[in-house]
Amino acid sequence: MRGKIAGLAIFAALSVSVPASSQDADQLWGWCFGDATDDRTIAGCDAVIATARGSQKQQAGAFYNRGVAHRNKGQLELALQDYSQAIRLDPTDADIFYNRGVVLQSLGRVDAAIAEYDAAIGLKPNFAMAFNNRGVLRRLKGQYDRALQDYDQAVRIDPRHAAAFNNRCALRAIMGQLQAAVADCDESLRLRPNVADALASRGLAYLKRTELDAAIRDYDAALRAKPQMAEALFGRGVARRKKGDIAGGDSDIAAAKAAQGNIGELYATYGISGF
């Protein structure tokens, strides 16, 4: 969401901590607020922030855009610092809270990330992405009913939110709402065909419905898209064993455990254990 604050009228103000040339000042401003590489965005926003000129909202935009660039570069703690500064200057912008939530989620700070999504939704009640992300974290915390409510809201607000349909599919499969799960994955795959996560989610629903051939077909397709996907390997292994292909199933399950050591425990939370 970089570049949402234009502020072109204050080019002339950028003359204290940037090169003397107004052309250079204009270029740095453009890097911060326009379409530029991450490194140029950081350099431009450094200059904008160093001047302490412009409106408070424009300064918040500079911190925000620099935070986006830091996040793109994997510099999550720096991004977090910039988003926090942006919120201090402009506590009314839902996008900043959402992006700080994304960084906290990436850092594994689940409760803190949920609080940021709460704030984003409070400011922007139709924020589909914030509902979806909060649903992901509530599922991680075992709050399945609340997660399902969040996914419901996400797809109500944005009926083309393929990820939310997939997430609701996976959760419904875990909860045993198998027919609804398949319908959600069908819709996710209609919106974004051949996505490995949605194929694996539907495979799980078919596996729990004991439609083993359909499950294997979806897991096969998921593995064509993502060959080392532990969830697809494990699920296919279970399905193969249930069909009597013990050697093939054991091979898949071993490969899944090699790719992700806790995959068996994860599937146990899905209601599938004993492998």
C-alpha atoms as a PDB file:
ATOM      1  CA  MET A   1       0.000   0.000   0.000  1.00  0.00           C
ATOM      2  CA  ARG A   2       3.015   2.215  -0.443  1.00  0.00           C
ATOM      3  CA  GLY A   3       2.409   5.611  -2.063  1.00  0.00           C
ATOM      4  CA  LYS A   4      -1.051   6.262  -0.640  1.00  0.00           C
ATOM      5  CA  ILE A   5      -0.007   9.722   0.585  1.00  0.00           C
ATOM      6  CA  ALA A   6       0.934  12.077  -2.202  1.00  0.00           C
ATOM      7  CA  GLY A   7       1.967  15.282  -0.486  1.00  0.00           C
ATOM      8  CA  LEU A   8       3.555  16.693  -3.638  1.00  0.00           C
ATOM      9  CA  ALA A   9       2.920  20.251  -2.507  1.00  0.00           C
ATOM     10  CA  ILE A  10       5.750  20.162   0.041  1.00  0.00           C
ATOM     11  CA  PHE A  11       8.636  19.294  -2.279  1.00  0.00           C
ATOM     12  CA  ALA A  12      10.161  22.697  -1.602  1.00  0.00           C
ATOM     13  CA  ALA A  13      10.224  22.035   2.132  1.00  0.00           C
ATOM     14  CA  LEU A  14      12.737  19.226   1.757  1.00  0.00           C
ATOM     15  CA  SER A  15      15.907  21.250   1.797  1.00  0.00           C
ATOM     16  CA  VAL A  16      17.453  20.805   5.222  1.00  0.00           C
ATOM     17  CA  SER A  17      18.647  17.191   5.465  1.00  0.00           C
ATOM     18  CA  VAL A  18      18.698  16.191   1.801  1.00  0.00           C
ATOM     19  CA  PRO A  19      20.965  17.222  -1.079  1.00  0.00           C
ATOM     20  CA  ALA A  20      20.785  20.939  -1.868  1.00  0.00           C
ATOM     21  CA  SER A  21      19.352  20.391  -5.336  1.00  0.00           C
ATOM     22  CA  SER A  22      15.577  20.722  -5.376  1.00  0.00           C
ATOM     23  CA  GLN A  23      15.604  18.104  -8.100  1.00  0.00           C
ATOM     24  CA  ASP A  24      17.309  15.666  -5.720  1.00  0.00           C
ATOM     25  CA  ALA A  25      14.813  16.559  -2.996  1.00  0.00           C
ATOM     26  CA  ASP A  26      11.939  15.948  -5.364  1.00  0.00           C
ATOM     27  CA  GLN A  27      13.441  12.607  -6.374  1.00  0.00           C
ATOM     28  CA  LEU A  28      13.823  11.463  -2.783  1.00  0.00           C
ATOM     29  CA  TRP A  29      10.239  12.430  -2.036  1.00  0.00           C
ATOM     30  CA  GLY A  30       9.147  10.498  -5.095  1.00  0.00           C
ATOM     31  CA  TRP A  31      11.096   7.450  -3.961  1.00  0.00           C
ATOM     32  CA  CYS A  32       9.384   7.504  -0.572  1.00  0.00           C
ATOM     33  CA  PHE A  33       5.850   8.015  -1.836  1.00  0.00           C
ATOM     34  CA  GLY A  34       5.957   6.675  -5.373  1.00  0.00           C
ATOM     35  CA  ASP A  35       6.777   3.463  -7.206  1.00  0.00           C
ATOM     36  CA  ALA A  36      10.391   2.621  -6.343  1.00  0.00           C
ATOM     37  CA  THR A  37      12.559  -0.287  -5.270  1.00  0.00           C
ATOM     38  CA  ASP A  38      12.639  -1.120  -1.574  1.00  0.00           C
ATOM     39  CA  ASP A  39      16.145   0.302  -1.159  1.00  0.00           C
ATOM     40  CA  ARG A  40      15.155   3.557  -2.850  1.00  0.00           C
ATOM     41  CA  THR A  41      11.971   3.745  -0.808  1.00  0.00           C
ATOM     42  CA  ILE A  42      14.012   3.430   2.379  1.00  0.00           C
ATOM     43  CA  ALA A  43      16.501   6.082   1.217  1.00  0.00           C
ATOM     44  CA  GLY A  44      13.724   8.448   0.195  1.00  0.00           C
ATOM     45  CA  CYS A  45      11.743   7.999   3.388  1.00  0.00           C
ATOM     46  CA  ASP A  46      14.917   8.413   5.461  1.00  0.00           C
ATOM     47  CA  ALA A  47      15.231  11.857   3.905  1.00  0.00           C
ATOM     48  CA  VAL A  48      11.584  12.753   4.401  1.00  0.00           C
ATOM     49  CA  ILE A  49      11.694  11.663   8.050  1.00  0.00           C
ATOM     50  CA  ALA A  50      14.991  13.460   8.683  1.00  0.00           C
ATOM     51  CA  THR A  51      13.506  16.811   7.626  1.00  0.00           C
ATOM     52  CA  ALA A  52      10.552  16.506  10.025  1.00  0.00           C
ATOM     53  CA  ARG A  53       8.696  18.625   7.487  1.00  0.00           C
ATOM     54  CA  GLY A  54       5.244  18.218   6.059  1.00  0.00           C
ATOM     55  CA  SER A  55       2.028  17.355   7.822  1.00  0.00           C
ATOM     56  CA  GLN A  56       1.828  14.801  10.602  1.00  0.00           C
ATOM     57  CA  LYS A  57      -0.089  12.492   8.273  1.00  0.00           C
ATOM     58  CA  GLN A  58       2.669  12.781   5.664  1.00  0.00           C
ATOM     59  CA  GLN A  59       5.297  11.912   8.237  1.00  0.00           C
ATOM     60  CA  ALA A  60       3.191   8.923   9.255  1.00  0.00           C
ATOM     61  CA  GLY A  61       3.055   7.926   5.590  1.00  0.00           C
ATOM     62  CA  ALA A  62       6.842   8.073   5.344  1.00  0.00           C
ATOM     63  CA  PHE A  63       7.260   5.773   8.348  1.00  0.00           C
ATOM     64  CA  TYR A  64       4.573   3.468   6.966  1.00  0.00           C
ATOM     65  CA  ASN A  65       6.111   3.243   3.496  1.00  0.00           C
ATOM     66  CA  ARG A  66       9.572   2.652   4.931  1.00  0.00           C
ATOM     67  CA  GLY A  67       8.056  -0.090   7.070  1.00  0.00           C
ATOM     68  CA  VAL A  68       6.598  -1.741   3.982  1.00  0.00           C
ATOM     69  CA  ALA A  69      10.023  -1.700   2.338  1.00  0.00           C
ATOM     70  CA  HIS A  70      11.716  -3.129   5.440  1.00  0.00           C
ATOM     71  CA  ARG A  71       9.098  -5.903   5.599  1.00  0.00           C
ATOM     72  CA  ASN A  72       9.647  -6.712   1.929  1.00  0.00           C
ATOM     73  CA  LYS A  73      13.362  -7.098   2.694  1.00  0.00           C
ATOM     74  CA  GLY A  74      12.661  -9.408   5.645  1.00  0.00           C
ATOM     75  CA  GLN A  75      13.720  -6.777   8.184  1.00  0.00           C
ATOM     76  CA  LEU A  76      10.753  -7.405  10.421  1.00  0.00           C
ATOM     77  CA  GLU A  77      11.881  -5.675  13.605  1.00  0.00           C
ATOM     78  CA  LEU A  78      12.713  -2.519  11.647  1.00  0.00           C
ATOM     79  CA  ALA A  79       9.326  -2.721   9.960  1.00  0.00           C
ATOM     80  CA  LEU A  80       7.656  -3.097  13.349  1.00  0.00           C
ATOM     81  CA  GLN A  81       9.428   0.013  14.643  1.00  0.00           C
ATOM     82  CA  ASP A  82       8.341   2.029  11.613  1.00  0.00           C
ATOM     83  CA  TYR A  83       4.714   0.915  11.820  1.00  0.00           C
ATOM     84  CA  SER A  84       4.676   1.813  15.510  1.00  0.00           C
ATOM     85  CA  GLN A  85       5.946   5.307  14.692  1.00  0.00           C
ATOM     86  CA  ALA A  86       3.345   5.631  11.939  1.00  0.00           C
ATOM     87  CA  ILE A  87       0.568   4.680  14.379  1.00  0.00           C
ATOM     88  CA  ARG A  88       1.855   7.178  16.941  1.00  0.00           C
ATOM     89  CA  LEU A  89       1.514   9.906  14.307  1.00  0.00           C
ATOM     90  CA  ASP A  90      -1.724   8.657  12.753  1.00  0.00           C
ATOM     91  CA  PRO A  91      -3.745   6.311  14.981  1.00  0.00           C
ATOM     92  CA  THR A  92      -6.752   6.431  12.637  1.00  0.00           C
ATOM     93  CA  ASP A  93      -5.323   4.428   9.720  1.00  0.00           C
ATOM     94  CA  ALA A  94      -6.534   0.811   9.718  1.00  0.00           C
ATOM     95  CA  ASP A  95      -3.957  -0.239   7.130  1.00  0.00           C
ATOM     96  CA  ILE A  96      -1.076   0.551   9.472  1.00  0.00           C
ATOM     97  CA  PHE A  97      -2.549  -1.540  12.284  1.00  0.00           C
ATOM     98  CA  TYR A  98      -3.165  -4.366   9.813  1.00  0.00           C
ATOM     99  CA  ASN A  99       0.417  -4.307   8.553  1.00  0.00           C
ATOM    100  CA  ARG A 100       1.804  -4.213  12.070  1.00  0.00           C
ATOM    101  CA  GLY A 101      -0.363  -7.264  12.729  1.00  0.00           C
ATOM    102  CA  VAL A 102       1.117  -9.030   9.693  1.00  0.00           C
ATOM    103  CA  VAL A 103       4.639  -8.439  10.995  1.00  0.00           C
ATOM    104  CA  LEU A 104       3.748  -9.602  14.504  1.00  0.00           C
ATOM    105  CA  GLN A 105       2.111 -12.687  13.014  1.00  0.00           C
ATOM    106  CA  SER A 106       5.303 -13.417  11.059  1.00  0.00           C
ATOM    107  CA  LEU A 107       7.263 -13.078  14.294  1.00  0.00           C
ATOM    108  CA  GLY A 108       4.972 -15.588  16.026  1.00  0.00           C
ATOM    109  CA  ARG A 109       3.483 -13.041  18.438  1.00  0.00           C
ATOM    110  CA  VAL A 110      -0.039 -14.374  18.105  1.00  0.00           C
ATOM    111  CA  ASP A 111      -1.909 -12.435  20.799  1.00  0.00           C
ATOM    112  CA  ALA A 112      -0.234  -9.162  19.848  1.00  0.00           C
ATOM    113  CA  ALA A 113      -1.103  -9.712  16.193  1.00  0.00           C
ATOM    114  CA  ILE A 114      -4.741 -10.419  17.077  1.00  0.00           C
ATOM    115  CA  ALA A 115      -4.869  -7.134  18.989  1.00  0.00           C
ATOM    116  CA  GLU A 116      -3.652  -5.303  15.872  1.00  0.00           C
ATOM    117  CA  TYR A 117      -6.296  -6.958  13.685  1.00  0.00           C
ATOM    118  CA  ASP A 118      -8.900  -6.054  16.315  1.00  0.00           C
ATOM    119  CA  ALA A 119      -7.820  -2.427  16.032  1.00  0.00           C
ATOM    120  CA  ALA A 120      -7.825  -2.509  12.222  1.00  0.00           C
ATOM    121  CA  ILE A 121     -11.355  -3.954  12.175  1.00  0.00           C
ATOM    122  CA  GLY A 122     -12.495  -1.388  14.724  1.00  0.00           C
ATOM    123  CA  LEU A 123     -11.355   1.372  12.387  1.00  0.00           C
ATOM    124  CA  LYS A 124     -12.501  -0.343   9.175  1.00  0.00           C
ATOM    125  CA  PRO A 125     -15.343  -2.803   9.868  1.00  0.00           C
ATOM    126  CA  ASN A 126     -15.320  -4.183   6.307  1.00  0.00           C
ATOM    127  CA  PHE A 127     -11.618  -5.143   6.355  1.00  0.00           C
ATOM    128  CA  ALA A 128     -11.795  -8.639   4.843  1.00  0.00           C
ATOM    129  CA  MET A 129      -8.056  -9.349   5.047  1.00  0.00           C
ATOM    130  CA  ALA A 130      -7.958  -8.482   8.742  1.00  0.00           C
ATOM    131  CA  PHE A 131     -10.882 -10.838   9.436  1.00  0.00           C
ATOM    132  CA  ASN A 132      -9.143 -13.605   7.478  1.00  0.00           C
ATOM    133  CA  ASN A 133      -5.811 -13.172   9.257  1.00  0.00           C
ATOM    134  CA  ARG A 134      -7.461 -12.991  12.669  1.00  0.00           C
ATOM    135  CA  GLY A 135      -9.285 -16.211  11.799  1.00  0.00           C
ATOM    136  CA  VAL A 136      -5.973 -17.918  11.044  1.00  0.00           C
ATOM    137  CA  LEU A 137      -4.619 -16.966  14.451  1.00  0.00           C
ATOM    138  CA  ARG A 138      -7.797 -17.903  16.301  1.00  0.00           C
ATOM    139  CA  ARG A 139      -7.633 -21.325  14.675  1.00  0.00           C
ATOM    140  CA  LEU A 140      -4.034 -21.655  15.902  1.00  0.00           C
ATOM    141  CA  LYS A 141      -5.285 -20.896  19.406  1.00  0.00           C
ATOM    142  CA  GLY A 142      -7.961 -23.586  19.072  1.00  0.00           C
ATOM    143  CA  GLN A 143     -10.768 -21.020  19.003  1.00  0.00           C
ATOM    144  CA  TYR A 144     -12.525 -22.739  16.132  1.00  0.00           C
ATOM    145  CA  ASP A 145     -15.948 -21.143  16.476  1.00  0.00           C
ATOM    146  CA  ARG A 146     -14.476 -17.641  16.596  1.00  0.00           C
ATOM    147  CA  ALA A 147     -12.172 -18.410  13.670  1.00  0.00           C
ATOM    148  CA  LEU A 148     -15.143 -19.640  11.645  1.00  0.00           C
ATOM    149  CA  GLN A 149     -16.989 -16.395  12.385  1.00  0.00           C
ATOM    150  CA  ASP A 150     -14.000 -14.431  11.101  1.00  0.00           C
ATOM    151  CA  TYR A 151     -13.844 -16.423   7.863  1.00  0.00           C
ATOM    152  CA  ASP A 152     -17.588 -15.969   7.441  1.00  0.00           C
ATOM    153  CA  GLN A 153     -17.124 -12.230   7.693  1.00  0.00           C
ATOM    154  CA  ALA A 154     -14.179 -12.227   5.293  1.00  0.00           C
ATOM    155  CA  VAL A 155     -16.075 -13.991   2.507  1.00  0.00           C
ATOM    156  CA  ARG A 156     -19.231 -11.963   3.156  1.00  0.00           C
ATOM    157  CA  ILE A 157     -17.267  -8.758   2.683  1.00  0.00           C
ATOM    158  CA  ASP A 158     -15.182 -10.066  -0.228  1.00  0.00           C
ATOM    159  CA  PRO A 159     -16.833 -12.955  -2.101  1.00  0.00           C
ATOM    160  CA  ARG A 160     -13.664 -13.314  -4.197  1.00  0.00           C
ATOM    161  CA  HIS A 161     -11.353 -13.872  -1.207  1.00  0.00           C
ATOM    162  CA  ALA A 162      -9.972 -17.258  -2.286  1.00  0.00           C
ATOM    163  CA  ALA A 163      -7.680 -17.611   0.732  1.00  0.00           C
ATOM    164  CA  ALA A 164     -10.561 -17.103   3.162  1.00  0.00           C
ATOM    165  CA  PHE A 165     -12.629 -19.763   1.380  1.00  0.00           C
ATOM    166  CA  ASN A 166      -9.664 -22.144   1.625  1.00  0.00           C
ATOM    167  CA  ASN A 167      -9.101 -21.342   5.288  1.00  0.00           C
ATOM    168  CA  ARG A 168     -12.789 -21.906   6.038  1.00  0.00           C
ATOM    169  CA  CYS A 169     -12.641 -25.157   4.059  1.00  0.00           C
ATOM    170  CA  ALA A 170      -9.721 -26.439   6.118  1.00  0.00           C
ATOM    171  CA  LEU A 171     -11.344 -25.420   9.397  1.00  0.00           C
ATOM    172  CA  ARG A 172     -14.668 -26.985   8.463  1.00  0.00           C
ATOM    173  CA  ALA A 173     -12.858 -30.183   7.525  1.00  0.00           C
ATOM    174  CA  ILE A 174     -11.200 -30.224  10.942  1.00  0.00           C
ATOM    175  CA  MET A 175     -14.542 -29.526  12.643  1.00  0.00           C
ATOM    176  CA  GLY A 176     -16.288 -32.302  10.706  1.00  0.00           C
ATOM    177  CA  GLN A 177     -18.444 -30.020   8.533  1.00  0.00           C
ATOM    178  CA  LEU A 178     -17.331 -32.000   5.518  1.00  0.00           C
ATOM    179  CA  GLN A 179     -19.891 -31.181   2.845  1.00  0.00           C
ATOM    180  CA  ALA A 180     -19.558 -27.455   3.535  1.00  0.00           C
ATOM    181  CA  ALA A 181     -15.765 -27.843   3.561  1.00  0.00           C
ATOM    182  CA  VAL A 182     -15.711 -29.323   0.066  1.00  0.00           C
ATOM    183  CA  ALA A 183     -17.999 -26.540  -1.191  1.00  0.00           C
ATOM    184  CA  ASP A 184     -15.644 -23.915   0.225  1.00  0.00           C
ATOM    185  CA  CYS A 185     -12.594 -25.498  -1.367  1.00  0.00           C
ATOM    186  CA  ASP A 186     -14.435 -25.811  -4.669  1.00  0.00           C
ATOM    187  CA  GLU A 187     -15.077 -22.063  -4.560  1.00  0.00           C
ATOM    188  CA  SER A 188     -11.499 -21.280  -3.549  1.00  0.00           C
ATOM    189  CA  LEU A 189     -10.200 -23.344  -6.464  1.00  0.00           C
ATOM    190  CA  ARG A 190     -12.670 -21.749  -8.864  1.00  0.00           C
ATOM    191  CA  LEU A 191     -11.289 -18.357  -7.887  1.00  0.00           C
ATOM    192  CA  ARG A 192      -7.639 -19.505  -7.899  1.00  0.00           C
ATOM    193  CA  PRO A 193      -7.190 -22.820  -9.731  1.00  0.00           C
ATOM    194  CA  ASN A 194      -4.534 -25.387  -8.828  1.00  0.00           C
ATOM    195  CA  VAL A 195      -3.430 -23.799  -5.548  1.00  0.00           C
ATOM    196  CA  ALA A 196      -1.712 -26.477  -3.478  1.00  0.00           C
ATOM    197  CA  ASP A 197      -3.121 -25.355  -0.111  1.00  0.00           C
ATOM    198  CA  ALA A 198      -6.733 -25.509  -1.302  1.00  0.00           C
ATOM    199  CA  LEU A 199      -6.191 -28.866  -2.996  1.00  0.00           C
ATOM    200  CA  ALA A 200      -4.721 -30.274   0.221  1.00  0.00           C
ATOM    201  CA  SER A 201      -7.587 -28.827   2.271  1.00  0.00           C
ATOM    202  CA  ARG A 202     -10.139 -30.477   0.000  1.00  0.00           C
ATOM    203  CA  GLY A 203      -8.093 -33.666   0.133  1.00  0.00           C
ATOM    204  CA  LEU A 204      -8.446 -33.600   3.919  1.00  0.00           C
ATOM    205  CA  ALA A 205     -12.223 -33.204   3.639  1.00  0.00           C
ATOM    206  CA  TYR A 206     -12.438 -36.127   1.203  1.00  0.00           C
ATOM    207  CA  LEU A 207     -10.157 -38.199   3.433  1.00  0.00           C
ATOM    208  CA  LYS A 208     -12.423 -37.645   6.419  1.00  0.00           C
ATOM    209  CA  ARG A 209     -15.423 -38.524   4.229  1.00  0.00           C
ATOM    210  CA  THR A 210     -13.528 -41.756   3.333  1.00  0.00           C
ATOM    211  CA  GLU A 211     -13.710 -40.797  -0.351  1.00  0.00           C
ATOM    212  CA  LEU A 212     -10.178 -42.069  -0.707  1.00  0.00           C
ATOM    213  CA  ASP A 213      -9.737 -41.895  -4.474  1.00  0.00           C
ATOM    214  CA  ALA A 214     -10.900 -38.275  -4.512  1.00  0.00           C
ATOM    215  CA  ALA A 215      -8.556 -37.488  -1.613  1.00  0.00           C
ATOM    216  CA  ILE A 216      -5.598 -39.060  -3.408  1.00  0.00           C
ATOM    217  CA  ARG A 217      -6.393 -37.131  -6.595  1.00  0.00           C
ATOM    218  CA  ASP A 218      -6.356 -33.837  -4.688  1.00  0.00           C
ATOM    219  CA  TYR A 219      -3.188 -34.696  -2.806  1.00  0.00           C
ATOM    220  CA  ASP A 220      -1.529 -35.733  -6.082  1.00  0.00           C
ATOM    221  CA  ALA A 221      -2.490 -32.388  -7.627  1.00  0.00           C
ATOM    222  CA  ALA A 222      -1.246 -30.493  -4.563  1.00  0.00           C
ATOM    223  CA  LEU A 223       2.095 -32.290  -4.763  1.00  0.00           C
ATOM    224  CA  ARG A 224       2.456 -31.471  -8.441  1.00  0.00           C
ATOM    225  CA  ALA A 225       2.179 -27.814  -7.475  1.00  0.00           C
ATOM    226  CA  LYS A 226       4.284 -28.139  -4.288  1.00  0.00           C
ATOM    227  CA  PRO A 227       6.303 -31.405  -4.350  1.00  0.00           C
ATOM    228  CA  GLN A 228       7.532 -31.376  -0.735  1.00  0.00           C
ATOM    229  CA  MET A 229       4.230 -30.340   0.868  1.00  0.00           C
ATOM    230  CA  ALA A 230       4.135 -32.278   4.127  1.00  0.00           C
ATOM    231  CA  GLU A 231       0.360 -32.058   4.633  1.00  0.00           C
ATOM    232  CA  ALA A 232      -0.320 -33.488   1.173  1.00  0.00           C
ATOM    233  CA  LEU A 233       2.265 -36.248   1.564  1.00  0.00           C
ATOM    234  CA  PHE A 234       0.917 -37.276   4.955  1.00  0.00           C
ATOM    235  CA  GLY A 235      -2.724 -37.167   3.870  1.00  0.00           C
ATOM    236  CA  ARG A 236      -1.986 -39.185   0.751  1.00  0.00           C
ATOM    237  CA  GLY A 237      -0.066 -41.665   2.856  1.00  0.00           C
ATOM    238  CA  VAL A 238      -3.040 -42.152   5.167  1.00  0.00           C
ATOM    239  CA  ALA A 239      -5.388 -42.561   2.189  1.00  0.00           C
ATOM    240  CA  ARG A 240      -3.078 -45.089   0.547  1.00  0.00           C
ATOM    241  CA  ARG A 241      -2.828 -47.138   3.714  1.00  0.00           C
ATOM    242  CA  LYS A 242      -6.615 -47.128   4.056  1.00  0.00           C
ATOM    243  CA  LYS A 243      -6.836 -48.475   0.494  1.00  0.00           C
ATOM    244  CA  GLY A 244      -4.418 -51.282   1.361  1.00  0.00           C
ATOM    245  CA  ASP A 245      -1.265 -49.798  -0.184  1.00  0.00           C
ATOM    246  CA  ILE A 246       0.729 -50.045   3.025  1.00  0.00           C
ATOM    247  CA  ALA A 247       4.161 -49.644   1.412  1.00  0.00           C
ATOM    248  CA  GLY A 248       3.128 -46.611  -0.620  1.00  0.00           C
ATOM    249  CA  GLY A 249       1.394 -45.073   2.360  1.00  0.00           C
ATOM    250  CA  ASP A 250       4.343 -45.622   4.668  1.00  0.00           C
ATOM    251  CA  SER A 251       6.670 -44.078   2.079  1.00  0.00           C
ATOM    252  CA  ASP A 252       4.507 -40.953   1.864  1.00  0.00           C
ATOM    253  CA  ILE A 253       4.210 -40.664   5.634  1.00  0.00           C
ATOM    254  CA  ALA A 254       7.975 -41.027   6.084  1.00  0.00           C
ATOM    255  CA  ALA A 255       8.580 -38.323   3.468  1.00  0.00           C
ATOM    256  CA  ALA A 256       6.052 -36.068   5.191  1.00  0.00           C
ATOM    257  CA  LYS A 257       7.758 -36.510   8.565  1.00  0.00           C
ATOM    258  CA  ALA A 258      11.134 -35.800   7.002  1.00  0.00           C
ATOM    259  CA  ALA A 259       9.762 -32.559   5.566  1.00  0.00           C
ATOM    260  CA  GLN A 260       7.932 -31.530   8.776  1.00  0.00           C
ATOM    261  CA  GLY A 261       8.690 -33.348  11.964  1.00  0.00           C
ATOM    262  CA  ASN A 262       5.412 -32.559  13.737  1.00  0.00           C
ATOM    263  CA  ILE A 263       3.113 -33.461  10.841  1.00  0.00           C
ATOM    264  CA  GLY A 264       1.713 -36.511  12.629  1.00  0.00           C
ATOM    265  CA  GLU A 265       0.786 -34.422  15.655  1.00  0.00           C
ATOM    266  CA  LEU A 266      -0.768 -31.822  13.372  1.00  0.00           C
ATOM    267  CA  TYR A 267      -2.952 -34.422  11.666  1.00  0.00           C
ATOM    268  CA  ALA A 268      -3.981 -35.711  15.080  1.00  0.00           C
ATOM    269  CA  THR A 269      -5.505 -32.289  15.732  1.00  0.00           C
ATOM    270  CA  TYR A 270      -7.470 -32.811  12.512  1.00  0.00           C
ATOM    271  CA  GLY A 271      -8.967 -35.984  13.965  1.00  0.00           C
ATOM    272  CA  ILE A 272      -6.659 -38.354  12.056  1.00  0.00           C
ATOM    273  CA  SER A 273      -4.165 -40.246  14.207  1.00  0.00           C
ATOM    274  CA  GLY A 274      -2.443 -43.577  14.609  1.00  0.00           C
ATOM    275  CA  PHE A 275       0.206 -43.156  11.906  1.00  0.00           C
END
